[in-house]
Amino acid sequence: MSLMIFIICNILISLSSIVSKKTFFDREKSSPFECGFDPKSSSRMPFSLHFFLIAVIFLIFDVEITLLIPIIMILKISNMMNFNIIIFFFIFILLFGLYYEWNQGALNWTK
């Protein structure tokens, strides 16, 4: 009985794969997307690293949110003094990092 179910499932999966295939290809949709650059041109084209820097800064401050959520859950089981010290140092480090990036000019959008 289980062999019969297995065969029927495989037939249905194969049939749905064949039916759902697209038969026409668009030139723009089949070409790779490379951040707005033409993929057929030279790979030695100068690239602004400012985009990369902004992405890294975004990731750093985005990961900060994932670190704050467990800290809120710890509030129930820790005393208030320890919780305040942990939050103070965490926010101090983030603000210091933001100030450092701002002071270095990484947040200024210049050409």
Protein backbone atom coordinates (compact mmCIF):
# COMPACT_ATOMS: atom_id res chain seq x y z
CA MET A 1 0.00 0.00 0.00
CA SER A 2 2.78 2.46 0.88
CA LEU A 3 4.53 1.64 -2.41
CA MET A 4 1.37 2.55 -4.28
CA ILE A 5 1.14 5.92 -2.45
CA PHE A 6 4.81 6.57 -3.19
CA ILE A 7 4.33 5.91 -6.91
CA ILE A 8 1.21 8.11 -7.08
CA CYS A 9 3.03 10.96 -5.29
CA ASN A 10 5.98 10.73 -7.68
CA ILE A 11 3.66 10.74 -10.71
CA LEU A 12 1.79 13.80 -9.38
CA ILE A 13 5.03 15.66 -8.64
CA SER A 14 6.40 14.89 -12.11
CA LEU A 15 3.13 15.89 -13.78
CA SER A 16 2.90 19.18 -11.90
CA SER A 17 6.53 19.94 -12.77
CA ILE A 18 5.88 19.38 -16.47
CA VAL A 19 2.63 21.39 -16.51
CA SER A 20 4.04 24.38 -14.62
CA LYS A 21 7.11 24.90 -16.83
CA LYS A 22 7.29 28.18 -18.72
CA THR A 23 8.00 27.69 -22.40
CA PHE A 24 9.09 31.23 -23.31
CA PHE A 25 12.14 33.07 -22.04
CA ASP A 26 12.47 36.83 -21.77
CA ARG A 27 15.94 38.23 -22.43
CA GLU A 28 15.86 40.53 -19.38
CA LYS A 29 14.51 37.87 -17.05
CA SER A 30 17.00 35.21 -18.13
CA SER A 31 20.03 37.52 -17.82
CA PRO A 32 21.78 37.71 -14.42
CA PHE A 33 21.19 40.79 -12.29
CA GLU A 34 24.46 42.33 -11.18
CA CYS A 35 23.59 45.38 -9.08
CA GLY A 36 22.73 47.49 -12.12
CA PHE A 37 26.01 46.83 -13.91
CA ASP A 38 26.15 45.27 -17.36
CA PRO A 39 27.41 41.68 -16.80
CA LYS A 40 28.91 41.58 -20.32
CA SER A 41 31.33 44.47 -19.72
CA SER A 42 34.76 44.40 -18.09
CA SER A 43 34.91 43.12 -14.53
CA ARG A 44 37.62 45.65 -13.69
CA MET A 45 35.16 48.55 -13.68
CA PRO A 46 35.66 50.85 -10.67
CA PHE A 47 33.07 50.22 -7.98
CA SER A 48 32.20 52.58 -5.16
CA LEU A 49 32.92 50.88 -1.85
CA HIS A 50 30.52 53.27 -0.16
CA PHE A 51 27.64 50.92 -1.08
CA PHE A 52 29.45 48.07 0.65
CA LEU A 53 30.16 50.21 3.73
CA ILE A 54 26.52 51.25 4.06
CA ALA A 55 25.45 47.60 3.77
CA VAL A 56 27.87 46.54 6.52
CA ILE A 57 26.70 49.36 8.80
CA PHE A 58 23.09 48.32 8.16
CA LEU A 59 23.89 44.70 9.05
CA ILE A 60 25.61 45.72 12.27
CA PHE A 61 22.67 47.78 13.46
CA ASP A 62 20.20 45.19 12.18
CA VAL A 63 21.86 42.42 14.20
CA GLU A 64 21.56 44.70 17.22
CA ILE A 65 17.79 44.17 17.17
CA THR A 66 18.24 40.40 17.38
CA LEU A 67 20.42 40.94 20.44
CA LEU A 68 17.93 43.23 22.16
CA ILE A 69 14.99 40.80 22.05
CA PRO A 70 16.59 38.15 24.34
CA ILE A 71 17.68 40.90 26.73
CA ILE A 72 14.04 41.89 27.16
CA MET A 73 13.17 38.27 27.98
CA ILE A 74 15.93 38.18 30.63
CA LEU A 75 14.24 41.07 32.45
CA LYS A 76 11.85 38.61 34.16
CA ILE A 77 14.58 36.46 35.71
CA SER A 78 17.33 38.97 36.54
CA ASN A 79 17.44 41.75 39.08
CA MET A 80 16.97 45.31 37.93
CA MET A 81 20.51 46.50 38.70
CA ASN A 82 22.18 43.86 36.52
CA PHE A 83 19.65 44.44 33.76
CA ASN A 84 20.31 48.20 33.76
CA ILE A 85 24.09 47.70 33.65
CA ILE A 86 23.83 45.28 30.71
CA ILE A 87 21.48 47.59 28.78
CA PHE A 88 23.66 50.63 29.52
CA PHE A 89 26.84 48.99 28.20
CA PHE A 90 25.05 47.56 25.17
CA ILE A 91 23.57 50.90 24.16
CA PHE A 92 26.85 52.68 24.98
CA ILE A 93 28.78 50.39 22.62
CA LEU A 94 26.21 50.90 19.85
CA LEU A 95 26.19 54.68 20.26
CA PHE A 96 29.99 54.76 20.36
CA GLY A 97 30.10 52.76 17.12
CA LEU A 98 27.58 55.09 15.50
CA TYR A 99 29.57 58.13 16.64
CA TYR A 100 32.78 56.59 15.30
CA GLU A 101 31.21 55.92 11.89
CA TRP A 102 29.78 59.43 11.81
CA ASN A 103 33.13 60.96 12.85
CA GLN A 104 34.99 58.99 10.15
CA GLY A 105 32.56 60.30 7.52
CA ALA A 106 31.16 56.90 6.63
CA LEU A 107 27.59 58.17 6.89
CA ASN A 108 28.15 61.13 4.54
CA TRP A 109 26.99 60.33 1.04
CA THR A 110 29.71 61.85 -1.13
CA LYS A 111 30.93 60.94 -4.60
